[in-house]
N, C-alpha and C. Protein backbone atom coordinates (compact mmCIF):
# COMPACT_ATOMS: atom_id res chain seq x y z
N MET A 1 9.51 -21.46 45.83
CA MET A 1 8.68 -20.49 45.31
C MET A 1 8.79 -20.99 44.21
N SER A 2 7.90 -21.55 43.40
CA SER A 2 8.25 -21.32 41.93
C SER A 2 7.02 -20.80 41.31
N THR A 3 7.09 -19.58 40.51
CA THR A 3 6.31 -18.85 40.06
C THR A 3 6.75 -17.71 38.32
N SER A 4 5.71 -18.13 37.85
CA SER A 4 6.37 -16.97 36.28
C SER A 4 6.30 -16.12 36.43
N ASP A 5 6.34 -15.30 37.95
CA ASP A 5 6.22 -13.68 38.04
C ASP A 5 7.43 -13.16 38.16
N PRO A 6 8.40 -12.52 37.58
CA PRO A 6 9.45 -12.18 37.38
C PRO A 6 9.38 -11.20 38.72
N ALA A 7 8.53 -9.84 39.04
CA ALA A 7 8.39 -9.04 40.00
C ALA A 7 8.49 -9.75 41.45
N THR A 8 7.70 -10.96 41.19
CA THR A 8 7.17 -11.51 42.34
C THR A 8 8.78 -12.20 42.90
N LEU A 9 9.45 -12.94 42.15
CA LEU A 9 10.65 -13.26 42.33
C LEU A 9 11.69 -12.48 42.87
N ALA A 10 11.65 -11.18 42.40
CA ALA A 10 12.69 -10.17 42.39
C ALA A 10 12.42 -9.65 43.76
N ASP A 11 11.19 -9.59 44.44
CA ASP A 11 10.92 -9.13 45.54
C ASP A 11 11.18 -9.63 46.57
N THR A 12 10.85 -10.92 46.48
CA THR A 12 11.06 -12.05 47.00
C THR A 12 12.56 -12.16 47.98
N TYR A 13 13.40 -12.12 46.35
CA TYR A 13 14.94 -11.97 46.67
C TYR A 13 15.56 -11.15 47.31
N PHE A 14 15.14 -10.06 47.10
CA PHE A 14 15.66 -8.90 47.90
C PHE A 14 15.12 -8.80 49.48
N ARG A 15 13.60 -9.10 49.04
CA ARG A 15 13.07 -8.80 50.83
C ARG A 15 14.01 -9.85 51.71
N SER A 16 13.88 -11.09 51.13
CA SER A 16 14.79 -11.97 51.87
C SER A 16 15.93 -11.92 52.41
N TRP A 17 16.96 -11.03 51.13
CA TRP A 17 17.90 -11.09 51.35
C TRP A 17 18.27 -10.04 52.69
N VAL A 18 17.56 -8.95 52.36
CA VAL A 18 17.85 -7.50 54.11
C VAL A 18 17.40 -8.58 55.41
N ALA A 19 16.06 -9.57 55.26
CA ALA A 19 15.92 -9.97 56.19
C ALA A 19 16.77 -11.00 56.86
N ARG A 20 17.62 -11.67 55.40
CA ARG A 20 18.61 -12.57 56.28
C ARG A 20 17.72 -14.26 56.34
N ASP A 21 16.97 -14.31 55.57
CA ASP A 21 15.79 -15.59 55.46
C ASP A 21 16.57 -15.97 54.35
N GLU A 22 17.18 -17.51 55.48
CA GLU A 22 18.19 -18.32 53.72
C GLU A 22 16.93 -19.09 53.21
N GLN A 23 16.08 -19.71 53.97
CA GLN A 23 14.67 -20.63 53.02
C GLN A 23 13.80 -19.24 51.97
N GLY A 24 14.33 -18.25 52.98
CA GLY A 24 13.07 -17.51 51.59
C GLY A 24 14.05 -17.49 50.46
N LEU A 25 15.64 -16.70 50.42
CA LEU A 25 16.27 -16.71 49.31
C LEU A 25 16.36 -18.45 48.51
N ARG A 26 16.15 -19.54 49.29
CA ARG A 26 16.37 -20.72 48.45
C ARG A 26 15.16 -21.17 47.82
N SER A 27 14.09 -20.44 48.47
CA SER A 27 12.81 -20.12 47.52
C SER A 27 12.43 -19.99 46.36
N VAL A 28 13.73 -18.96 45.82
CA VAL A 28 13.55 -18.56 44.73
C VAL A 28 14.88 -18.96 43.81
N LEU A 29 16.07 -19.55 44.61
CA LEU A 29 16.91 -19.58 43.11
C LEU A 29 17.16 -21.18 42.83
N ALA A 30 17.19 -21.45 41.75
CA ALA A 30 17.71 -22.77 41.10
C ALA A 30 18.27 -23.50 41.76
N PRO A 31 18.49 -24.50 41.48
CA PRO A 31 19.76 -25.71 42.28
C PRO A 31 20.64 -25.67 41.96
N ASP A 32 20.96 -25.08 40.46
CA ASP A 32 22.06 -24.50 39.87
C ASP A 32 22.12 -22.93 39.50
N ALA A 33 22.06 -22.27 40.19
CA ALA A 33 21.67 -20.85 40.10
C ALA A 33 23.43 -20.16 40.15
N ASP A 34 23.71 -19.35 39.70
CA ASP A 34 25.37 -18.97 39.83
C ASP A 34 25.38 -17.46 39.68
N PHE A 35 26.30 -17.04 40.29
CA PHE A 35 26.86 -15.46 41.14
C PHE A 35 27.89 -14.83 40.41
N ALA A 36 27.72 -13.37 39.77
CA ALA A 36 28.85 -13.29 39.56
C ALA A 36 28.94 -11.81 40.11
N GLY A 37 29.64 -11.21 40.70
CA GLY A 37 29.85 -9.69 40.83
C GLY A 37 31.17 -9.69 41.53
N PRO A 38 31.68 -8.10 41.64
CA PRO A 38 32.64 -7.57 42.26
C PRO A 38 33.56 -7.98 43.35
N LEU A 39 32.67 -8.73 44.39
CA LEU A 39 33.36 -9.07 45.50
C LEU A 39 33.41 -10.46 45.31
N GLY A 40 32.83 -11.39 44.65
CA GLY A 40 33.06 -12.80 44.33
C GLY A 40 32.22 -13.42 43.10
N THR A 41 32.39 -14.48 43.27
CA THR A 41 30.99 -15.45 42.43
C THR A 41 30.55 -16.87 43.35
N ALA A 42 30.09 -17.45 42.79
CA ALA A 42 29.15 -18.57 43.57
C ALA A 42 28.54 -19.80 42.35
N GLU A 43 28.76 -20.24 42.60
CA GLU A 43 27.89 -21.64 42.00
C GLU A 43 27.14 -22.86 42.87
N GLY A 44 25.66 -22.82 42.23
CA GLY A 44 24.84 -23.76 43.22
C GLY A 44 24.35 -22.65 44.24
N VAL A 45 23.16 -23.01 44.81
CA VAL A 45 22.30 -22.90 45.49
C VAL A 45 22.82 -21.98 46.70
N ASP A 46 23.50 -23.21 47.16
CA ASP A 46 24.22 -23.54 48.55
C ASP A 46 24.92 -22.30 48.51
N ALA A 47 26.03 -22.65 47.78
CA ALA A 47 27.33 -21.03 47.40
C ALA A 47 26.27 -19.86 47.60
N CYS A 48 25.33 -19.74 46.88
CA CYS A 48 24.51 -18.45 46.50
C CYS A 48 24.15 -17.98 47.83
N VAL A 49 23.25 -18.78 48.39
CA VAL A 49 22.71 -18.42 49.66
C VAL A 49 23.92 -17.82 50.84
N ALA A 50 25.15 -18.81 50.66
CA ALA A 50 26.29 -18.36 52.00
C ALA A 50 26.61 -17.34 51.38
N GLY A 51 27.17 -17.05 50.22
CA GLY A 51 27.15 -15.78 49.87
C GLY A 51 26.67 -14.02 50.38
N LEU A 52 25.33 -14.77 49.84
CA LEU A 52 24.70 -13.42 50.44
C LEU A 52 24.09 -13.11 51.84
N VAL A 53 24.19 -14.35 52.63
CA VAL A 53 23.65 -14.42 53.62
C VAL A 53 25.29 -13.52 54.31
N GLY A 54 26.48 -13.75 54.18
CA GLY A 54 27.76 -13.61 54.51
C GLY A 54 27.67 -11.71 53.91
N MET A 55 27.26 -11.42 53.03
CA MET A 55 27.44 -10.04 52.55
C MET A 55 25.99 -9.21 53.51
N ALA A 56 25.16 -9.96 53.53
CA ALA A 56 24.01 -9.45 54.75
C ALA A 56 24.64 -9.29 56.06
N ARG A 57 25.71 -9.60 56.38
CA ARG A 57 26.21 -9.04 57.99
C ARG A 57 26.99 -7.95 57.86
N ILE A 58 26.69 -7.15 56.92
CA ILE A 58 27.07 -5.57 56.47
C ILE A 58 26.02 -4.89 56.15
N LEU A 59 25.16 -5.57 56.03
CA LEU A 59 23.54 -4.87 55.33
C LEU A 59 23.15 -4.70 56.09
N ASP A 60 22.53 -3.19 55.28
CA ASP A 60 21.36 -2.35 56.36
C ASP A 60 20.24 -2.37 55.40
N ASP A 61 19.77 -2.06 54.44
CA ASP A 61 18.66 -2.12 53.55
C ASP A 61 18.93 -1.79 51.91
N VAL A 62 18.59 -2.58 51.32
CA VAL A 62 18.37 -1.89 49.51
C VAL A 62 17.30 -1.56 49.22
N ALA A 63 17.74 -0.51 48.76
CA ALA A 63 16.40 0.48 47.91
C ALA A 63 16.27 0.37 47.11
N VAL A 64 15.09 -0.56 46.33
CA VAL A 64 15.21 -0.33 45.27
C VAL A 64 14.55 0.72 44.31
N LEU A 65 15.45 1.23 43.39
CA LEU A 65 15.49 2.74 42.84
C LEU A 65 14.11 2.13 41.39
N HIS A 66 14.80 1.13 40.76
CA HIS A 66 14.07 1.00 39.38
C HIS A 66 13.76 -0.34 39.16
N ARG A 67 12.68 -1.00 38.71
CA ARG A 67 13.35 -2.15 37.95
C ARG A 67 13.11 -2.67 36.69
N TRP A 68 13.23 -3.23 35.65
CA TRP A 68 13.22 -3.48 34.41
C TRP A 68 13.09 -4.82 34.16
N ILE A 69 11.51 -5.27 33.50
CA ILE A 69 11.78 -6.78 33.24
C ILE A 69 11.49 -7.05 32.04
N ASP A 70 12.08 -8.12 31.38
CA ASP A 70 12.20 -8.25 30.04
C ASP A 70 12.12 -9.75 29.99
N GLY A 71 10.78 -10.10 29.90
CA GLY A 71 10.32 -11.63 29.48
C GLY A 71 11.28 -12.50 30.80
N ASP A 72 12.64 -13.34 30.58
CA ASP A 72 13.01 -14.02 31.68
C ASP A 72 13.77 -13.57 32.34
N ASP A 73 13.89 -12.53 32.03
CA ASP A 73 15.07 -11.25 31.91
C ASP A 73 14.79 -10.14 33.27
N VAL A 74 15.60 -9.52 34.50
CA VAL A 74 15.18 -8.82 35.26
C VAL A 74 16.18 -8.05 35.71
N LEU A 75 16.19 -6.51 35.31
CA LEU A 75 17.10 -5.48 35.84
C LEU A 75 17.06 -4.84 37.00
N THR A 76 17.46 -4.85 37.92
CA THR A 76 17.48 -4.03 39.31
C THR A 76 18.08 -2.81 39.33
N TRP A 77 17.98 -1.77 39.80
CA TRP A 77 18.95 -0.85 40.09
C TRP A 77 18.33 -0.07 41.18
N PHE A 78 19.32 -0.16 42.25
CA PHE A 78 19.43 -0.21 43.53
C PHE A 78 20.10 0.48 44.34
N GLU A 79 19.79 1.08 45.36
CA GLU A 79 21.08 1.43 46.64
C GLU A 79 21.33 0.47 47.42
N LEU A 80 22.50 -0.03 47.35
CA LEU A 80 23.00 -1.14 48.73
C LEU A 80 23.79 -0.47 50.34
N ARG A 81 22.67 0.05 51.06
CA ARG A 81 22.42 0.35 52.37
C ARG A 81 23.68 -0.35 53.38
N THR A 82 24.51 -0.10 53.59
CA THR A 82 25.42 -0.95 54.54
C THR A 82 26.00 -0.28 55.68
N THR A 83 26.28 -0.45 56.95
CA THR A 83 26.96 -0.35 57.56
C THR A 83 28.43 0.16 57.85
N VAL A 84 28.82 0.30 56.72
CA VAL A 84 30.41 0.19 56.80
C VAL A 84 30.93 1.24 55.12
N ALA A 85 29.63 1.33 54.71
CA ALA A 85 29.92 2.47 53.83
C ALA A 85 28.67 3.41 53.16
N PRO A 86 29.16 4.61 52.70
CA PRO A 86 28.22 4.96 51.76
C PRO A 86 26.66 4.58 51.20
N PRO A 87 25.78 4.96 50.91
CA PRO A 87 24.98 3.69 50.13
C PRO A 87 26.07 3.73 48.40
N THR A 88 25.85 2.90 48.15
CA THR A 88 26.44 2.44 46.71
C THR A 88 25.54 2.02 45.97
N PRO A 89 25.59 2.50 44.53
CA PRO A 89 24.82 2.27 43.64
C PRO A 89 25.67 0.90 42.73
N VAL A 90 23.97 0.23 42.56
CA VAL A 90 24.43 -1.39 42.08
C VAL A 90 23.24 -1.74 41.09
N ALA A 91 23.80 -2.10 40.08
CA ALA A 91 22.81 -3.00 38.83
C ALA A 91 22.96 -4.69 39.65
N ASN A 92 21.51 -4.84 39.32
CA ASN A 92 21.28 -6.12 39.78
C ASN A 92 20.72 -6.84 38.36
N TRP A 93 21.36 -7.89 37.42
CA TRP A 93 20.26 -8.70 36.47
C TRP A 93 20.30 -9.99 36.69
N MET A 94 19.14 -10.08 36.67
CA MET A 94 18.54 -11.99 37.18
C MET A 94 18.23 -12.46 35.55
N HIS A 95 18.32 -13.83 35.38
CA HIS A 95 17.63 -14.68 34.70
C HIS A 95 17.35 -15.70 35.12
N LEU A 96 16.31 -16.00 34.50
CA LEU A 96 14.74 -16.74 35.45
C LEU A 96 15.31 -17.74 34.43
N SER A 97 14.71 -19.04 35.33
CA SER A 97 14.23 -20.46 34.31
C SER A 97 14.01 -21.49 35.20
N GLY A 98 12.85 -21.57 34.39
CA GLY A 98 11.67 -22.86 35.22
C GLY A 98 11.03 -22.19 36.48
N GLY A 99 10.77 -20.75 36.22
CA GLY A 99 10.35 -20.12 37.70
C GLY A 99 11.27 -19.98 38.81
N ARG A 100 12.42 -20.31 38.86
CA ARG A 100 13.24 -19.79 39.57
C ARG A 100 14.24 -18.76 38.97
N ILE A 101 15.35 -18.24 39.69
CA ILE A 101 16.53 -17.05 39.56
C ILE A 101 17.45 -18.35 39.42
N ALA A 102 17.98 -18.44 38.17
CA ALA A 102 19.47 -19.34 38.01
C ALA A 102 20.54 -18.38 37.50
N ARG A 103 20.62 -16.90 37.29
CA ARG A 103 21.69 -16.51 36.70
C ARG A 103 21.42 -14.93 37.77
N ILE A 104 22.79 -14.92 38.22
CA ILE A 104 22.54 -13.20 38.46
C ILE A 104 23.99 -12.53 38.37
N ARG A 105 23.92 -11.14 38.05
CA ARG A 105 25.07 -10.47 37.82
C ARG A 105 24.72 -9.65 38.09
N VAL A 106 26.00 -9.02 39.13
CA VAL A 106 26.21 -7.61 40.01
C VAL A 106 27.05 -6.62 39.58
N THR A 107 26.77 -5.28 39.28
CA THR A 107 28.44 -4.49 38.88
C THR A 107 27.87 -3.39 40.60
N PHE A 108 28.62 -3.22 40.64
CA PHE A 108 29.20 -1.74 41.19
C PHE A 108 30.34 -1.32 41.62
N ASP A 109 30.99 -0.13 42.06
CA ASP A 109 31.95 0.24 42.60
C ASP A 109 32.52 -0.66 43.86
N PRO A 110 33.17 -1.28 44.14
CA PRO A 110 33.45 -1.84 45.77
C PRO A 110 34.33 -1.16 46.37
N ARG A 111 34.81 0.08 45.86
CA ARG A 111 36.12 0.36 46.96
C ARG A 111 36.11 0.95 48.13
N GLU A 112 34.96 1.58 48.01
CA GLU A 112 34.73 1.84 49.92
C GLU A 112 33.98 0.85 50.85
N ILE A 113 33.31 -0.11 49.79
CA ILE A 113 33.13 -1.24 51.06
C ILE A 113 34.51 -2.12 51.46
N VAL A 114 34.94 -2.69 50.02
CA VAL A 114 36.58 -2.98 50.50
C VAL A 114 37.06 -2.05 51.51
N ALA A 115 37.30 -1.09 51.46
CA ALA A 115 38.42 0.28 52.49
C ALA A 115 37.95 -0.10 53.75
N ALA A 116 36.64 -0.86 53.91
CA ALA A 116 36.28 -0.63 55.36
C ALA A 116 36.50 -1.67 56.04
């Protein structure tokens, strides 16, 4: 999927992640996408998809609370709902390039997830 609409890319990303849809994730991630967050890093679309699918093993849902869009940058505030910990507030920043998600930065307190 190549689109210039940041909201559509972000929606597809989160929907695909919750659905464990690898092809959906690949459709919105740039080939050289990179990810950094408290539980790990990934470089390249294959590593990013593998990390997201791995995290999806404990994923129940993602409840988007608010989204801000500023040009090629999308900031999403959501609750990460897992099978192992109480809902965790998360800030997710995506930078878009060429109609795809090129960079993802995530921040949250991972202690309860790690303890599980």
